N, C-alpha and C. Protein backbone atom coordinates (compact mmCIF):
# COMPACT_ATOMS: atom_id res chain seq x y z
N UNK A 1 135.27 160.40 131.54
CA UNK A 1 136.67 160.91 131.38
C UNK A 1 137.67 159.65 130.92
N UNK A 2 139.13 160.59 130.56
CA UNK A 2 139.69 159.77 129.89
C UNK A 2 140.92 158.94 131.16
N UNK A 3 140.66 159.30 132.52
CA UNK A 3 141.22 158.50 133.51
C UNK A 3 141.11 159.30 134.82
N UNK A 4 141.17 158.61 135.73
CA UNK A 4 141.12 159.22 137.23
C UNK A 4 141.40 160.36 137.34
N UNK A 5 142.50 160.59 137.44
CA UNK A 5 143.17 161.99 137.52
C UNK A 5 142.52 163.00 136.43
N UNK A 6 141.96 163.20 135.14
CA UNK A 6 141.27 164.16 134.66
C UNK A 6 139.82 164.49 135.49
N UNK A 7 139.37 163.52 136.21
CA UNK A 7 138.02 162.95 136.34
C UNK A 7 138.47 164.02 138.18
N UNK A 8 139.30 163.55 138.65
CA UNK A 8 139.51 164.66 139.46
C UNK A 8 140.06 165.89 139.44
N UNK A 9 140.68 166.42 138.74
CA UNK A 9 140.55 167.30 138.33
C UNK A 9 140.00 168.12 138.20
N UNK A 10 138.42 167.61 137.24
CA UNK A 10 136.87 168.28 136.96
C UNK A 10 136.71 168.55 138.10
N UNK A 11 136.21 167.05 139.18
CA UNK A 11 135.73 167.73 140.00
C UNK A 11 136.12 168.77 141.05
N UNK A 12 137.76 168.90 141.17
CA UNK A 12 138.36 169.40 141.79
C UNK A 12 137.72 171.33 141.54
N UNK A 13 137.49 171.51 140.25
CA UNK A 13 137.05 172.61 139.14
C UNK A 13 136.05 173.24 140.23
N UNK A 14 135.01 171.86 139.84
CA UNK A 14 133.64 172.33 140.23
C UNK A 14 133.50 172.98 141.82
N UNK A 15 134.18 172.03 142.18
CA UNK A 15 134.44 172.07 144.00
C UNK A 15 134.74 173.81 144.31
N UNK A 16 136.07 174.01 143.15
CA UNK A 16 136.44 175.33 142.90
C UNK A 16 135.41 176.75 142.96
N UNK A 17 134.57 176.23 141.85
CA UNK A 17 133.84 177.68 141.55
C UNK A 17 132.76 177.51 142.41
N UNK A 18 132.02 176.13 142.78
CA UNK A 18 131.26 176.39 144.12
C UNK A 18 131.58 176.89 145.35
N UNK A 19 133.14 176.95 145.58
CA UNK A 19 133.50 178.04 146.74
C UNK A 19 133.55 179.21 146.18
N UNK A 20 133.95 179.69 145.34
CA UNK A 20 133.85 180.89 145.01
C UNK A 20 132.44 181.44 144.42
N UNK A 21 131.47 180.86 145.08
CA UNK A 21 130.17 181.39 144.27
C UNK A 21 128.95 180.89 143.57
N UNK A 22 129.51 179.96 142.70
CA UNK A 22 128.88 179.37 141.15
C UNK A 22 127.57 179.13 142.08
N UNK A 23 126.84 178.78 141.77
CA UNK A 23 125.36 178.27 142.22
C UNK A 23 125.18 176.55 141.46
N UNK A 24 125.18 175.69 142.53
CA UNK A 24 125.53 174.42 141.98
C UNK A 24 123.61 174.32 141.65
N UNK A 25 122.99 173.93 140.47
CA UNK A 25 121.98 173.79 139.94
C UNK A 25 121.15 172.33 139.88
N UNK A 26 122.58 172.23 139.41
CA UNK A 26 122.08 170.18 139.80
C UNK A 26 123.22 169.48 139.68
N UNK A 27 123.41 168.83 140.66
CA UNK A 27 124.36 167.32 141.02
C UNK A 27 123.91 165.86 140.46
N UNK A 28 124.58 165.29 139.77
CA UNK A 28 124.23 164.51 139.53
C UNK A 28 124.54 163.61 140.49
N UNK A 29 124.41 161.71 140.51
CA UNK A 29 125.20 160.98 140.92
C UNK A 29 125.50 159.60 140.10
N UNK A 30 126.05 158.51 140.49
CA UNK A 30 126.43 158.11 139.88
C UNK A 30 125.99 156.67 140.68
N UNK A 31 124.54 156.89 141.45
CA UNK A 31 124.48 155.84 142.24
C UNK A 31 122.78 155.47 140.92
N UNK A 32 122.67 156.13 140.31
CA UNK A 32 121.26 155.15 139.22
C UNK A 32 122.33 155.11 137.54
N UNK A 33 123.41 154.87 137.79
CA UNK A 33 124.38 154.85 136.39
C UNK A 33 124.18 153.22 136.10
N UNK A 34 124.18 152.91 134.93
CA UNK A 34 124.26 151.54 134.49
C UNK A 34 125.27 151.08 134.35
N UNK A 35 126.25 150.55 135.43
CA UNK A 35 127.56 150.02 136.08
C UNK A 35 127.43 148.99 136.09
N UNK A 36 128.69 148.36 136.04
CA UNK A 36 128.29 146.55 136.58
C UNK A 36 128.68 146.52 137.70
N UNK A 37 128.28 145.62 138.50
CA UNK A 37 128.67 145.04 139.51
C UNK A 37 129.98 145.24 139.99
N UNK A 38 130.32 146.22 140.77
CA UNK A 38 131.94 146.30 141.32
C UNK A 38 132.23 146.93 140.73
N UNK A 39 131.96 147.39 139.38
CA UNK A 39 132.78 148.42 138.07
C UNK A 39 133.42 149.42 138.78
N UNK A 40 134.69 150.06 138.46
CA UNK A 40 135.58 151.30 138.79
C UNK A 40 134.84 152.20 138.46
N UNK A 41 135.01 153.03 139.28
CA UNK A 41 134.20 154.64 138.80
C UNK A 41 134.75 155.74 139.15
N UNK A 42 136.85 155.64 138.94
CA UNK A 42 136.85 156.76 139.19
C UNK A 42 137.67 157.45 138.34
N UNK A 43 136.91 156.98 137.06
CA UNK A 43 137.19 157.82 136.08
C UNK A 43 135.78 158.67 135.36
N UNK A 44 134.88 158.06 136.12
CA UNK A 44 133.61 158.69 136.27
C UNK A 44 132.97 160.67 136.38
N UNK A 45 132.42 161.24 136.30
CA UNK A 45 132.12 162.04 136.75
C UNK A 45 130.63 162.42 136.47
N UNK A 46 129.75 162.75 137.25
CA UNK A 46 128.04 162.65 137.05
C UNK A 46 128.14 164.09 136.66
N UNK A 47 126.83 164.63 135.86
CA UNK A 47 126.54 165.85 134.82
C UNK A 47 126.45 167.04 136.48
N UNK A 48 127.26 167.63 136.09
CA UNK A 48 126.53 169.06 137.04
C UNK A 48 126.29 170.27 136.52
N UNK A 49 125.53 171.06 136.90
CA UNK A 49 125.03 172.20 135.88
C UNK A 49 125.71 173.65 137.19
N UNK A 50 126.31 174.42 136.53
CA UNK A 50 126.28 175.27 137.79
C UNK A 50 125.84 177.10 137.04
N UNK A 51 125.25 177.48 137.96
CA UNK A 51 125.00 178.72 137.88
C UNK A 51 126.37 179.84 137.83
N UNK A 52 126.26 180.98 137.54
CA UNK A 52 127.23 181.95 137.83
C UNK A 52 128.74 181.61 138.49
N UNK A 53 129.64 180.86 137.37
CA UNK A 53 130.34 180.28 138.18
C UNK A 53 131.66 181.51 137.82
N UNK A 54 132.75 181.83 139.25
CA UNK A 54 133.38 182.68 139.13
C UNK A 54 134.26 183.15 137.85
N UNK A 55 134.89 184.69 137.47
CA UNK A 55 135.20 184.93 136.54
C UNK A 55 136.26 184.31 136.20
N UNK A 56 136.77 184.17 137.88
CA UNK A 56 138.57 183.56 137.88
C UNK A 56 138.74 182.43 137.15
N UNK A 57 137.39 181.58 137.61
CA UNK A 57 137.33 180.44 137.37
C UNK A 57 137.53 179.68 136.05
N UNK A 58 138.42 178.61 135.59
CA UNK A 58 138.74 178.06 134.70
C UNK A 58 137.56 177.58 133.84
N UNK A 59 136.37 177.07 134.82
CA UNK A 59 135.08 177.08 134.31
C UNK A 59 134.11 177.90 133.17
N UNK A 60 134.72 179.13 133.75
CA UNK A 60 134.35 180.43 132.78
C UNK A 60 134.83 180.65 131.90
N UNK A 61 135.94 180.28 131.57
CA UNK A 61 136.97 181.13 130.84
C UNK A 61 136.90 180.08 129.77
N UNK A 62 137.17 178.06 130.38
CA UNK A 62 137.80 177.50 129.27
C UNK A 62 136.71 176.42 129.60
N UNK A 63 136.18 175.64 128.19
CA UNK A 63 135.35 174.78 127.89
C UNK A 63 135.78 173.04 128.90
N UNK A 64 135.09 172.64 129.80
CA UNK A 64 135.27 171.71 130.48
C UNK A 64 135.06 170.40 129.66
N UNK A 65 135.89 169.29 129.32
CA UNK A 65 135.95 168.00 129.05
C UNK A 65 135.75 167.39 130.20
N UNK A 66 133.78 167.26 129.64
CA UNK A 66 133.24 166.04 130.79
C UNK A 66 131.69 167.41 130.88
N UNK A 67 131.02 166.31 131.83
CA UNK A 67 129.47 166.80 131.55
C UNK A 67 129.59 167.80 132.91
N UNK A 68 130.02 168.92 132.53
CA UNK A 68 129.89 169.80 133.53
C UNK A 68 129.23 171.25 132.33
N UNK A 69 127.81 171.89 132.94
CA UNK A 69 127.35 173.29 132.03
C UNK A 69 127.29 174.07 133.10
N UNK A 70 127.64 175.02 132.34
CA UNK A 70 127.87 176.56 133.05
C UNK A 70 126.46 177.45 132.45
N UNK A 71 125.70 178.33 133.26
CA UNK A 71 125.36 179.17 132.94
C UNK A 71 125.26 180.57 133.28
N UNK A 72 125.63 181.43 132.62
CA UNK A 72 125.85 182.70 132.84
C UNK A 72 124.79 183.97 132.45
N UNK A 73 124.43 184.71 133.58
CA UNK A 73 123.69 185.17 133.38
C UNK A 73 124.08 186.80 132.80
N UNK A 74 123.52 188.01 132.31
CA UNK A 74 123.64 188.92 131.63
C UNK A 74 122.69 189.70 131.58
N UNK A 75 123.31 190.89 131.30
CA UNK A 75 122.12 191.85 130.87
C UNK A 75 122.28 192.71 129.47
N UNK A 76 123.31 192.96 128.90
CA UNK A 76 123.29 193.17 127.29
C UNK A 76 124.01 192.39 126.96
N UNK A 77 123.66 192.88 125.15
CA UNK A 77 124.10 191.67 124.04
C UNK A 77 125.58 191.72 123.72
N UNK A 78 126.13 192.67 124.64
CA UNK A 78 127.92 192.64 124.11
C UNK A 78 128.13 192.03 125.38
N UNK A 79 127.64 191.62 126.56
CA UNK A 79 128.16 191.13 127.73
C UNK A 79 128.03 189.74 127.53
N UNK A 80 126.97 189.40 127.10
CA UNK A 80 126.61 188.33 126.40
C UNK A 80 127.55 187.50 125.21
N UNK A 81 127.97 187.84 124.38
CA UNK A 81 129.03 188.37 123.40
C UNK A 81 130.26 187.70 124.33
N UNK A 82 130.74 188.92 124.52
CA UNK A 82 131.72 188.38 126.20
C UNK A 82 131.47 186.97 126.45
N UNK A 83 130.62 186.67 127.29
CA UNK A 83 130.75 185.60 128.20
C UNK A 83 130.81 184.56 127.12
N UNK A 84 129.77 184.66 125.85
CA UNK A 84 130.07 183.07 124.98
C UNK A 84 131.38 183.03 124.58
N UNK A 85 132.20 183.98 124.24
CA UNK A 85 133.52 183.38 123.98
C UNK A 85 134.59 183.95 124.25
N UNK A 86 134.32 183.72 126.21
CA UNK A 86 135.22 183.92 126.80
C UNK A 86 136.79 183.09 126.31
N UNK A 87 136.16 181.60 125.51
CA UNK A 87 137.07 180.25 125.48
C UNK A 87 138.16 180.79 124.34
N UNK A 88 137.54 181.69 123.63
CA UNK A 88 138.34 181.74 122.09
C UNK A 88 138.27 180.27 121.64
N UNK A 89 136.96 179.94 121.40
CA UNK A 89 136.52 178.95 120.81
C UNK A 89 136.18 177.93 121.88
N UNK A 90 134.70 177.01 121.23
CA UNK A 90 134.45 176.21 121.67
C UNK A 90 133.93 175.09 120.56
N UNK A 91 133.87 173.45 120.99
CA UNK A 91 132.85 172.27 120.30
C UNK A 91 131.41 173.06 120.31
N UNK A 92 130.87 173.38 121.40
CA UNK A 92 129.45 173.35 121.27
C UNK A 92 129.24 173.87 121.82
N UNK A 93 128.04 175.16 121.75
CA UNK A 93 127.25 176.14 122.77
C UNK A 93 125.61 176.47 122.13
N UNK A 94 125.08 176.60 123.45
CA UNK A 94 123.84 176.85 123.25
C UNK A 94 123.57 178.57 123.83
N UNK A 95 122.63 179.03 122.73
CA UNK A 95 122.35 180.70 123.05
C UNK A 95 120.98 180.59 122.97
N UNK A 96 119.94 180.75 124.04
CA UNK A 96 118.47 180.87 124.09
C UNK A 96 118.10 182.52 124.58
N UNK A 97 116.89 182.34 123.77
CA UNK A 97 116.51 184.19 123.99
C UNK A 97 114.81 184.01 123.65
N UNK A 98 113.90 184.71 123.88
CA UNK A 98 112.46 185.02 123.70
C UNK A 98 112.62 185.11 122.47
N UNK A 99 113.25 186.15 122.02
CA UNK A 99 113.22 186.23 120.24
C UNK A 99 114.21 185.43 119.50
N UNK A 100 113.49 184.77 118.57
CA UNK A 100 114.16 183.77 118.21
C UNK A 100 115.26 184.48 116.87
N UNK A 101 114.85 185.58 116.18
CA UNK A 101 115.49 186.21 115.33
C UNK A 101 116.76 187.00 115.91
N UNK A 102 116.74 187.36 117.36
CA UNK A 102 118.27 188.08 118.27
C UNK A 102 118.43 186.78 118.39
N UNK A 103 118.29 185.63 118.56
CA UNK A 103 118.91 184.39 118.59
C UNK A 103 120.43 184.22 117.59
N UNK A 104 119.39 183.94 116.48
CA UNK A 104 120.10 183.77 115.49
C UNK A 104 120.65 184.37 115.10
N UNK A 105 120.46 185.97 115.07
CA UNK A 105 121.48 186.95 114.72
C UNK A 105 123.10 187.52 115.62
N UNK A 106 122.63 186.63 116.81
CA UNK A 106 123.97 186.65 117.88
C UNK A 106 124.55 185.40 117.71
N UNK A 107 123.86 184.40 117.08
CA UNK A 107 124.72 182.91 117.04
C UNK A 107 125.20 183.22 116.26
N UNK A 108 125.47 183.80 115.41
CA UNK A 108 126.82 184.30 114.49
C UNK A 108 127.61 184.20 114.67
N UNK A 109 127.76 185.11 116.23
CA UNK A 109 129.08 185.51 116.49
C UNK A 109 129.61 184.97 117.77
N UNK A 110 128.78 183.35 117.55
CA UNK A 110 129.65 182.67 118.74
C UNK A 110 130.99 182.02 118.59
N UNK A 111 132.06 182.32 118.90
CA UNK A 111 132.94 181.45 118.46
C UNK A 111 132.90 180.22 118.71
N UNK A 112 131.94 178.85 118.01
CA UNK A 112 131.71 177.94 118.79
C UNK A 112 131.70 176.98 117.04
N UNK A 113 131.73 176.04 117.64
CA UNK A 113 131.71 175.19 115.97
C UNK A 113 130.50 174.53 115.47
N UNK A 114 129.58 174.50 116.51
CA UNK A 114 128.01 174.21 116.74
C UNK A 114 127.43 175.09 117.74
N UNK A 115 126.33 175.72 117.26
CA UNK A 115 125.71 176.46 118.04
C UNK A 115 124.19 176.25 118.23
N UNK A 116 123.54 175.67 118.87
CA UNK A 116 122.31 175.70 119.31
C UNK A 116 121.31 177.03 119.54
N UNK A 117 120.08 177.39 118.77
CA UNK A 117 119.81 178.43 118.81
C UNK A 117 117.95 177.94 119.71
N UNK A 118 118.02 177.85 120.88
CA UNK A 118 116.88 178.08 121.71
C UNK A 118 116.41 176.53 121.84
N UNK A 119 117.86 175.66 121.48
CA UNK A 119 117.33 174.18 122.43
C UNK A 119 119.29 173.82 122.35
N UNK A 120 118.95 172.67 122.93
CA UNK A 120 120.65 172.25 123.62
C UNK A 120 121.01 171.83 122.03
N UNK A 121 122.13 171.78 122.04
CA UNK A 121 122.99 171.22 120.77
C UNK A 121 124.05 170.26 121.44
N UNK A 122 124.37 169.39 120.74
CA UNK A 122 125.34 168.24 121.19
C UNK A 122 126.09 168.16 119.66
N UNK A 123 127.52 167.25 119.57
CA UNK A 123 128.07 167.29 118.86
C UNK A 123 127.39 166.07 117.58
N UNK A 124 126.40 165.87 117.90
CA UNK A 124 125.81 165.22 116.54
C UNK A 124 126.09 163.45 116.63
N UNK A 125 125.40 163.27 115.32
CA UNK A 125 126.25 161.67 115.13
C UNK A 125 127.19 161.36 114.42
N UNK A 126 127.47 160.76 113.90
CA UNK A 126 128.90 160.01 112.93
C UNK A 126 128.28 160.80 111.71
N UNK A 127 127.83 160.73 110.85
CA UNK A 127 127.32 161.15 109.87
C UNK A 127 127.44 163.01 109.73
N UNK A 128 127.62 163.74 111.16
CA UNK A 128 127.67 165.32 110.98
C UNK A 128 128.97 165.48 111.38
N UNK A 129 129.45 166.20 110.38
CA UNK A 129 130.97 167.37 110.80
C UNK A 129 130.94 167.45 112.70
N UNK A 130 132.66 167.15 112.69
CA UNK A 130 132.64 167.45 114.07
C UNK A 130 133.94 167.99 114.26
N UNK A 131 133.75 169.22 114.73
CA UNK A 131 135.44 170.05 115.06
C UNK A 131 135.19 170.78 116.43
N UNK A 132 136.10 171.73 116.07
CA UNK A 132 135.99 172.66 117.23
C UNK A 132 136.70 174.04 116.39
N UNK A 133 136.86 175.79 116.85
CA UNK A 133 137.68 176.73 116.39
C UNK A 133 138.28 176.97 117.78
N UNK A 134 139.55 178.01 117.61
CA UNK A 134 139.97 178.18 118.23
C UNK A 134 141.08 177.28 119.07
N UNK A 135 141.20 177.07 120.29
CA UNK A 135 141.89 176.63 121.09
C UNK A 135 140.73 175.50 121.58
N UNK A 136 139.30 175.27 121.21
CA UNK A 136 138.77 173.90 121.73
C UNK A 136 138.98 172.59 120.86
N UNK A 137 140.03 172.35 119.75
CA UNK A 137 139.97 171.89 118.51
C UNK A 137 141.09 171.72 118.03
N UNK A 138 142.30 170.70 118.22
CA UNK A 138 143.57 171.18 117.32
C UNK A 138 143.22 169.50 116.23
N UNK A 139 143.37 169.96 115.01
CA UNK A 139 143.46 168.60 114.28
C UNK A 139 142.79 168.91 112.95
N UNK A 140 142.11 167.17 112.97
CA UNK A 140 141.60 167.22 111.43
C UNK A 140 140.23 167.09 111.87
N UNK A 141 138.97 167.76 111.00
CA UNK A 141 137.36 167.59 111.43
C UNK A 141 136.79 166.14 111.04
N UNK A 142 136.33 165.84 112.01
CA UNK A 142 135.78 164.59 111.65
C UNK A 142 134.35 164.24 111.46
N UNK A 143 133.84 163.03 111.18
CA UNK A 143 132.48 163.04 110.85
C UNK A 143 132.11 162.48 109.65
N UNK A 144 131.05 161.28 109.21
CA UNK A 144 131.21 161.48 107.56
C UNK A 144 132.11 160.80 107.09
N UNK A 145 132.86 161.12 105.80
CA UNK A 145 133.67 160.49 105.11
C UNK A 145 134.80 161.56 105.52
N UNK A 146 134.68 162.65 106.08
CA UNK A 146 136.06 162.96 106.92
C UNK A 146 136.84 162.02 107.52
N UNK A 147 135.84 161.61 108.64
CA UNK A 147 136.75 160.32 109.28
C UNK A 147 137.76 159.87 108.61
N UNK A 148 137.12 158.76 107.76
CA UNK A 148 138.14 158.24 106.45
C UNK A 148 139.59 159.33 106.45
N UNK A 149 139.26 160.91 106.10
CA UNK A 149 140.42 161.83 105.81
C UNK A 149 141.67 161.75 106.94
N UNK A 150 140.41 162.08 107.93
CA UNK A 150 141.23 162.06 109.01
C UNK A 150 142.45 160.96 109.54
N UNK A 151 141.95 159.86 109.04
CA UNK A 151 143.07 158.46 109.54
C UNK A 151 143.67 158.38 108.35
N UNK A 152 143.70 158.49 107.37
CA UNK A 152 144.08 157.87 106.09
C UNK A 152 145.59 159.21 105.34
N UNK A 153 146.20 158.15 104.82
CA UNK A 153 147.11 159.25 103.88
C UNK A 153 146.81 160.06 102.50
N UNK A 154 146.22 161.02 102.51
CA UNK A 154 146.63 161.37 101.19
C UNK A 154 147.54 161.58 99.79
N UNK A 155 146.72 162.26 99.02
CA UNK A 155 147.96 162.69 97.94
C UNK A 155 148.62 163.74 98.63
N UNK A 156 150.18 163.86 98.12
CA UNK A 156 150.83 164.78 98.54
C UNK A 156 150.95 166.17 98.40
N UNK A 157 150.76 166.99 99.44
CA UNK A 157 150.37 168.75 99.42
C UNK A 157 148.82 168.55 99.58
N UNK A 158 148.06 167.43 100.38
CA UNK A 158 146.70 167.41 100.22
C UNK A 158 146.91 167.80 101.87
N UNK A 159 145.66 169.44 101.85
CA UNK A 159 145.53 169.74 103.35
C UNK A 159 144.32 168.99 103.81
N UNK A 160 144.38 168.39 104.64
CA UNK A 160 143.14 167.76 105.47
C UNK A 160 142.29 168.89 105.96
N UNK A 161 140.66 168.70 106.18
CA UNK A 161 139.93 169.92 106.48
C UNK A 161 140.29 169.92 108.41
N UNK A 162 140.48 170.83 108.54
CA UNK A 162 140.70 170.98 110.07
C UNK A 162 141.14 171.95 110.85
N UNK A 163 141.31 172.41 111.86
CA UNK A 163 142.42 173.18 112.53
C UNK A 163 143.04 172.93 113.31
N UNK A 164 144.50 173.45 112.22
CA UNK A 164 145.38 173.00 112.64
C UNK A 164 146.01 174.39 113.19
N UNK A 165 147.58 173.77 113.36
CA UNK A 165 148.93 174.97 113.90
C UNK A 165 148.78 176.18 112.91
N UNK A 166 148.76 175.62 111.50
CA UNK A 166 149.46 176.72 110.07
C UNK A 166 148.42 176.68 109.52
N UNK A 167 147.33 176.47 109.37
CA UNK A 167 146.02 176.40 108.77
C UNK A 167 144.87 176.04 109.14
N UNK A 168 143.43 176.38 108.80
CA UNK A 168 142.46 176.17 109.00
C UNK A 168 141.45 175.96 107.87
N UNK A 169 140.85 174.49 107.32
CA UNK A 169 139.95 174.24 106.22
C UNK A 169 139.27 173.89 106.70
N UNK A 170 137.75 174.67 105.68
CA UNK A 170 136.76 173.99 106.33
C UNK A 170 136.69 173.04 105.05
N UNK A 171 135.77 172.00 105.26
CA UNK A 171 135.13 171.18 104.16
C UNK A 171 134.49 171.92 103.09
N UNK A 172 134.50 171.61 102.11
CA UNK A 172 133.69 172.20 100.84
C UNK A 172 132.26 172.59 100.78
N UNK A 173 131.75 173.27 100.73
CA UNK A 173 130.18 173.63 101.19
C UNK A 173 129.59 173.76 102.51
N UNK A 174 130.32 173.60 103.46
CA UNK A 174 129.89 173.74 104.88
C UNK A 174 129.99 175.45 105.33
N UNK A 175 129.20 175.29 105.66
CA UNK A 175 128.76 176.46 105.84
C UNK A 175 128.77 176.66 107.21
N UNK A 176 128.61 176.11 108.27
CA UNK A 176 128.34 176.61 109.95
C UNK A 176 127.40 175.51 110.62
N UNK A 177 127.33 175.73 111.44
CA UNK A 177 126.65 174.21 112.21
C UNK A 177 125.54 175.24 113.41
N UNK A 178 124.89 176.08 113.12
CA UNK A 178 123.65 176.69 113.50
C UNK A 178 122.69 176.22 113.68
N UNK A 179 122.05 175.78 114.85
CA UNK A 179 120.66 174.96 114.49
C UNK A 179 119.96 175.88 115.75
């Protein structure tokens, strides 16, 4: 995490979700982490996976910045889409389904910058575009050559690809990142 306060905030959110009924499927520890002897771990958070965080929990409706995954069970496609889009935008999402065609169809409606279909999806490598939709990301998209555009000044009037308060501009030729 960026600092100890953010790590504590995330720990508190996980604890509140569990107290509210979320089932911890996995709770990692820092015991096996590759750290230097005596290294301060105040800003570290071990991975956690929670089943069914309460609807009132920030972990249900806002993408956590940190190693916390949540799993929500649903009965209908409408419930699935409502749960997948509860945060008004995500950086990365994964949708799993026994029927790949159904998963691909539904993934197109997920408001996330990158969506994994029947496999985990991550931010990718440095050559792959990275950004977000909605409330998950504000600013220039980065990755590959766009990183240079994000940190340099271009010609007058040029609008950088990104998600800004007054415009969202996709890079030329980018069609989405559903995989």
